PDB file of N, CA and C in Angstrom:
ATOM      1  N   UNK A   1      77.582 -19.935  76.145  1.00  0.00           N
ATOM      2  CA  UNK A   1      77.468 -21.359  75.935  1.00  0.00           C
ATOM      3  C   UNK A   1      77.125 -21.621  74.474  1.00  0.00           C
ATOM      4  N   UNK A   2      77.783 -22.585  73.890  1.00  0.00           N
ATOM      5  CA  UNK A   2      77.518 -23.007  72.522  1.00  0.00           C
ATOM      6  C   UNK A   2      77.170 -24.490  72.577  1.00  0.00           C
ATOM      7  N   UNK A   3      75.914 -24.856  72.349  1.00  0.00           N
ATOM      8  CA  UNK A   3      75.596 -26.280  72.365  1.00  0.00           C
ATOM      9  C   UNK A   3      76.076 -26.953  71.081  1.00  0.00           C
ATOM     10  N   UNK A   4      76.857 -27.990  71.219  1.00  0.00           N
ATOM     11  CA  UNK A   4      77.314 -28.766  70.069  1.00  0.00           C
ATOM     12  C   UNK A   4      76.957 -30.215  70.366  1.00  0.00           C
ATOM     13  N   UNK A   5      76.042 -30.756  69.572  1.00  0.00           N
ATOM     14  CA  UNK A   5      75.573 -32.103  69.839  1.00  0.00           C
ATOM     15  C   UNK A   5      74.810 -32.117  71.145  1.00  0.00           C
ATOM     16  N   UNK A   6      75.154 -33.027  72.020  1.00  0.00           N
ATOM     17  CA  UNK A   6      74.481 -33.161  73.304  1.00  0.00           C
ATOM     18  C   UNK A   6      75.266 -32.492  74.433  1.00  0.00           C
ATOM     19  N   UNK A   7      76.348 -31.827  74.093  1.00  0.00           N
ATOM     20  CA  UNK A   7      77.202 -31.227  75.119  1.00  0.00           C
ATOM     21  C   UNK A   7      77.208 -29.703  75.002  1.00  0.00           C
ATOM     22  N   UNK A   8      77.216 -29.060  76.139  1.00  0.00           N
ATOM     23  CA  UNK A   8      77.357 -27.606  76.171  1.00  0.00           C
ATOM     24  C   UNK A   8      78.844 -27.268  76.135  1.00  0.00           C
ATOM     25  N   UNK A   9      79.214 -26.326  75.300  1.00  0.00           N
ATOM     26  CA  UNK A   9      80.605 -25.911  75.181  1.00  0.00           C
ATOM     27  C   UNK A   9      80.701 -24.461  75.646  1.00  0.00           C
ATOM     28  N   UNK A  10      81.580 -24.205  76.593  1.00  0.00           N
ATOM     29  CA  UNK A  10      81.772 -22.859  77.106  1.00  0.00           C
ATOM     30  C   UNK A  10      83.116 -22.331  76.634  1.00  0.00           C
ATOM     31  N   UNK A  11      83.123 -21.083  76.230  1.00  0.00           N
ATOM     32  CA  UNK A  11      84.358 -20.437  75.815  1.00  0.00           C
ATOM     33  C   UNK A  11      84.689 -19.388  76.872  1.00  0.00           C
ATOM     34  N   UNK A  12      85.820 -19.565  77.521  1.00  0.00           N
ATOM     35  CA  UNK A  12      86.259 -18.624  78.539  1.00  0.00           C
ATOM     36  C   UNK A  12      87.499 -17.932  77.999  1.00  0.00           C
ATOM     37  N   UNK A  13      87.328 -16.707  77.562  1.00  0.00           N
ATOM     38  CA  UNK A  13      88.411 -15.998  76.905  1.00  0.00           C
ATOM     39  C   UNK A  13      88.582 -14.632  77.551  1.00  0.00           C
ATOM     40  N   UNK A  14      89.653 -14.441  78.289  1.00  0.00           N
ATOM     41  CA  UNK A  14      89.878 -13.110  78.843  1.00  0.00           C
ATOM     42  C   UNK A  14      90.268 -12.153  77.720  1.00  0.00           C
ATOM     43  N   UNK A  15      89.602 -11.023  77.676  1.00  0.00           N
ATOM     44  CA  UNK A  15      89.875 -10.019  76.648  1.00  0.00           C
ATOM     45  C   UNK A  15      90.527  -8.821  77.333  1.00  0.00           C
ATOM     46  N   UNK A  16      91.690  -8.457  76.840  1.00  0.00           N
ATOM     47  CA  UNK A  16      92.411  -7.341  77.436  1.00  0.00           C
ATOM     48  C   UNK A  16      91.679  -6.031  77.182  1.00  0.00           C
ATOM     49  N   UNK A  17      91.828  -5.127  78.135  1.00  0.00           N
ATOM     50  CA  UNK A  17      91.277  -3.789  77.998  1.00  0.00           C
ATOM     51  C   UNK A  17      92.418  -2.789  78.127  1.00  0.00           C
ATOM     52  N   UNK A  18      92.282  -1.690  77.421  1.00  0.00           N
ATOM     53  CA  UNK A  18      93.281  -0.625  77.503  1.00  0.00           C
ATOM     54  C   UNK A  18      92.583   0.671  77.867  1.00  0.00           C
ATOM     55  N   UNK A  19      93.274   1.495  78.629  1.00  0.00           N
ATOM     56  CA  UNK A  19      92.717   2.782  79.022  1.00  0.00           C
ATOM     57  C   UNK A  19      93.438   3.876  78.248  1.00  0.00           C
ATOM     58  N   UNK A  20      92.668   4.713  77.600  1.00  0.00           N
ATOM     59  CA  UNK A  20      93.208   5.837  76.847  1.00  0.00           C
ATOM     60  C   UNK A  20      93.246   7.040  77.792  1.00  0.00           C
ATOM     61  N   UNK A  21      94.444   7.415  78.223  1.00  0.00           N
ATOM     62  CA  UNK A  21      94.607   8.493  79.201  1.00  0.00           C
ATOM     63  C   UNK A  21      94.124   9.837  78.650  1.00  0.00           C
ATOM     64  N   UNK A  22      94.312  10.043  77.361  1.00  0.00           N
ATOM     65  CA  UNK A  22      93.963  11.340  76.763  1.00  0.00           C
ATOM     66  C   UNK A  22      92.464  11.629  76.859  1.00  0.00           C
ATOM     67  N   UNK A  23      91.639  10.616  76.601  1.00  0.00           N
ATOM     68  CA  UNK A  23      90.186  10.841  76.617  1.00  0.00           C
ATOM     69  C   UNK A  23      89.482  10.109  77.767  1.00  0.00           C
ATOM     70  N   UNK A  24      90.260   9.488  78.658  1.00  0.00           N
ATOM     71  CA  UNK A  24      89.716   8.829  79.850  1.00  0.00           C
ATOM     72  C   UNK A  24      88.690   7.736  79.524  1.00  0.00           C
ATOM     73  N   UNK A  25      88.932   6.946  78.482  1.00  0.00           N
ATOM     74  CA  UNK A  25      88.024   5.856  78.119  1.00  0.00           C
ATOM     75  C   UNK A  25      88.753   4.522  78.201  1.00  0.00           C
ATOM     76  N   UNK A  26      87.982   3.470  78.380  1.00  0.00           N
ATOM     77  CA  UNK A  26      88.516   2.113  78.405  1.00  0.00           C
ATOM     78  C   UNK A  26      87.929   1.352  77.221  1.00  0.00           C
ATOM     79  N   UNK A  27      88.779   0.712  76.461  1.00  0.00           N
ATOM     80  CA  UNK A  27      88.351  -0.046  75.280  1.00  0.00           C
ATOM     81  C   UNK A  27      88.887  -1.465  75.361  1.00  0.00           C
ATOM     82  N   UNK A  28      88.173  -2.394  74.712  1.00  0.00           N
ATOM     83  CA  UNK A  28      88.650  -3.764  74.612  1.00  0.00           C
ATOM     84  C   UNK A  28      89.558  -3.904  73.406  1.00  0.00           C
ATOM     85  N   UNK A  29      90.576  -4.736  73.560  1.00  0.00           N
ATOM     86  CA  UNK A  29      91.468  -5.054  72.449  1.00  0.00           C
ATOM     87  C   UNK A  29      90.698  -5.945  71.485  1.00  0.00           C
ATOM     88  N   UNK A  30      90.859  -5.716  70.189  1.00  0.00           N
ATOM     89  CA  UNK A  30      90.155  -6.539  69.208  1.00  0.00           C
ATOM     90  C   UNK A  30      90.672  -7.969  69.239  1.00  0.00           C
ATOM     91  N   UNK A  31      89.732  -8.908  69.166  1.00  0.00           N
ATOM     92  CA  UNK A  31      90.064 -10.325  69.111  1.00  0.00           C
ATOM     93  C   UNK A  31      90.026 -10.703  67.630  1.00  0.00           C
ATOM     94  N   UNK A  32      91.166 -11.141  67.060  1.00  0.00           N
ATOM     95  CA  UNK A  32      91.246 -11.322  65.607  1.00  0.00           C
ATOM     96  C   UNK A  32      90.309 -12.365  65.020  1.00  0.00           C
ATOM     97  N   UNK A  33      89.870 -13.347  65.797  1.00  0.00           N
ATOM     98  CA  UNK A  33      89.023 -14.392  65.228  1.00  0.00           C
ATOM     99  C   UNK A  33      87.540 -14.140  65.450  1.00  0.00           C
ATOM    100  N   UNK A  34      87.155 -13.049  66.094  1.00  0.00           N
ATOM    101  CA  UNK A  34      85.749 -12.779  66.370  1.00  0.00           C
ATOM    102  C   UNK A  34      85.368 -11.396  65.852  1.00  0.00           C
ATOM    103  N   UNK A  35      84.255 -11.312  65.168  1.00  0.00           N
ATOM    104  CA  UNK A  35      83.716 -10.047  64.694  1.00  0.00           C
ATOM    105  C   UNK A  35      83.051  -9.355  65.879  1.00  0.00           C
ATOM    106  N   UNK A  36      83.390  -8.110  66.115  1.00  0.00           N
ATOM    107  CA  UNK A  36      82.864  -7.405  67.289  1.00  0.00           C
ATOM    108  C   UNK A  36      81.350  -7.223  67.265  1.00  0.00           C
ATOM    109  N   UNK A  37      80.726  -7.341  66.117  1.00  0.00           N
ATOM    110  CA  UNK A  37      79.270  -7.181  66.026  1.00  0.00           C
ATOM    111  C   UNK A  37      78.533  -8.494  66.243  1.00  0.00           C
ATOM    112  N   UNK A  38      79.261  -9.584  66.388  1.00  0.00           N
ATOM    113  CA  UNK A  38      78.627 -10.891  66.533  1.00  0.00           C
ATOM    114  C   UNK A  38      78.944 -11.489  67.896  1.00  0.00           C
ATOM    115  N   UNK A  39      78.054 -12.355  68.357  1.00  0.00           N
ATOM    116  CA  UNK A  39      78.263 -13.032  69.627  1.00  0.00           C
ATOM    117  C   UNK A  39      78.861 -14.408  69.459  1.00  0.00           C
ATOM    118  N   UNK A  40      79.463 -14.675  68.289  1.00  0.00           N
ATOM    119  CA  UNK A  40      80.048 -15.984  68.025  1.00  0.00           C
ATOM    120  C   UNK A  40      81.268 -15.821  67.132  1.00  0.00           C
ATOM    121  N   UNK A  41      82.092 -16.851  67.061  1.00  0.00           N
ATOM    122  CA  UNK A  41      83.333 -16.779  66.286  1.00  0.00           C
ATOM    123  C   UNK A  41      83.099 -17.195  64.831  1.00  0.00           C
ATOM    124  N   UNK A  42      84.053 -16.883  63.998  1.00  0.00           N
ATOM    125  CA  UNK A  42      83.980 -17.309  62.591  1.00  0.00           C
ATOM    126  C   UNK A  42      84.001 -18.823  62.476  1.00  0.00           C
ATOM    127  N   UNK A  43      84.760 -19.475  63.348  1.00  0.00           N
ATOM    128  CA  UNK A  43      84.819 -20.938  63.304  1.00  0.00           C
ATOM    129  C   UNK A  43      83.449 -21.540  63.601  1.00  0.00           C
ATOM    130  N   UNK A  44      82.733 -20.972  64.569  1.00  0.00           N
ATOM    131  CA  UNK A  44      81.390 -21.458  64.876  1.00  0.00           C
ATOM    132  C   UNK A  44      80.450 -21.185  63.699  1.00  0.00           C
ATOM    133  N   UNK A  45      80.603 -20.030  63.055  1.00  0.00           N
ATOM    134  CA  UNK A  45      79.794 -19.707  61.880  1.00  0.00           C
ATOM    135  C   UNK A  45      80.032 -20.736  60.768  1.00  0.00           C
ATOM    136  N   UNK A  46      81.294 -21.094  60.539  1.00  0.00           N
ATOM    137  CA  UNK A  46      81.604 -22.099  59.517  1.00  0.00           C
ATOM    138  C   UNK A  46      81.019 -23.455  59.884  1.00  0.00           C
ATOM    139  N   UNK A  47      81.071 -23.799  61.180  1.00  0.00           N
ATOM    140  CA  UNK A  47      80.516 -25.065  61.644  1.00  0.00           C
ATOM    141  C   UNK A  47      79.013 -25.120  61.356  1.00  0.00           C
ATOM    142  N   UNK A  48      78.299 -24.056  61.660  1.00  0.00           N
ATOM    143  CA  UNK A  48      76.851 -24.019  61.417  1.00  0.00           C
ATOM    144  C   UNK A  48      76.572 -24.099  59.918  1.00  0.00           C
ATOM    145  N   UNK A  49      77.356 -23.402  59.108  1.00  0.00           N
ATOM    146  CA  UNK A  49      77.160 -23.471  57.657  1.00  0.00           C
ATOM    147  C   UNK A  49      77.407 -24.885  57.137  1.00  0.00           C
ATOM    148  N   UNK A  50      78.404 -25.558  57.685  1.00  0.00           N
ATOM    149  CA  UNK A  50      78.681 -26.938  57.283  1.00  0.00           C
ATOM    150  C   UNK A  50      77.524 -27.846  57.699  1.00  0.00           C
ATOM    151  N   UNK A  51      77.016 -27.673  58.920  1.00  0.00           N
ATOM    152  CA  UNK A  51      75.856 -28.450  59.365  1.00  0.00           C
ATOM    153  C   UNK A  51      74.663 -28.229  58.446  1.00  0.00           C
ATOM    154  N   UNK A  52      74.504 -27.004  57.957  1.00  0.00           N
ATOM    155  CA  UNK A  52      73.332 -26.681  57.132  1.00  0.00           C
ATOM    156  C   UNK A  52      73.319 -27.454  55.816  1.00  0.00           C
ATOM    157  N   UNK A  53      74.469 -27.992  55.417  1.00  0.00           N
ATOM    158  CA  UNK A  53      74.515 -28.799  54.194  1.00  0.00           C
ATOM    159  C   UNK A  53      73.833 -30.140  54.402  1.00  0.00           C
ATOM    160  N   UNK A  54      73.763 -30.597  55.655  1.00  0.00           N
ATOM    161  CA  UNK A  54      73.257 -31.933  55.954  1.00  0.00           C
ATOM    162  C   UNK A  54      72.031 -31.956  56.851  1.00  0.00           C
ATOM    163  N   UNK A  55      71.688 -30.836  57.457  1.00  0.00           N
ATOM    164  CA  UNK A  55      70.603 -30.802  58.442  1.00  0.00           C
ATOM    165  C   UNK A  55      69.608 -29.689  58.099  1.00  0.00           C
ATOM    166  N   UNK A  56      68.434 -29.771  58.716  1.00  0.00           N
ATOM    167  CA  UNK A  56      67.467 -28.676  58.577  1.00  0.00           C
ATOM    168  C   UNK A  56      67.895 -27.527  59.505  1.00  0.00           C
ATOM    169  N   UNK A  57      67.362 -26.347  59.275  1.00  0.00           N
ATOM    170  CA  UNK A  57      67.650 -25.203  60.134  1.00  0.00           C
ATOM    171  C   UNK A  57      67.197 -25.505  61.552  1.00  0.00           C
ATOM    172  N   UNK A  58      66.043 -26.129  61.709  1.00  0.00           N
ATOM    173  CA  UNK A  58      65.552 -26.475  63.034  1.00  0.00           C
ATOM    174  C   UNK A  58      66.498 -27.458  63.721  1.00  0.00           C
ATOM    175  N   UNK A  59      67.040 -28.389  62.973  1.00  0.00           N
ATOM    176  CA  UNK A  59      67.966 -29.364  63.516  1.00  0.00           C
ATOM    177  C   UNK A  59      69.279 -28.733  63.961  1.00  0.00           C
ATOM    178  N   UNK A  60      69.696 -27.729  63.256  1.00  0.00           N
ATOM    179  CA  UNK A  60      70.949 -27.040  63.598  1.00  0.00           C
ATOM    180  C   UNK A  60      70.752 -26.266  64.878  1.00  0.00           C
TER     181      UNK A  60
END
């Protein structure tokens, strides 16, 4: 859930998985707009940075 304003925004994104037969592992396909180390998208990061120009950190 990503709260934006007074509304909760949910992102429902099915992520494909692939199975590597050689090593018997299952991996997720990389999603080009999201950094795998983060729990949010680049667009959301830009939105928060834009808000920070006009709001306090607590307000964001």
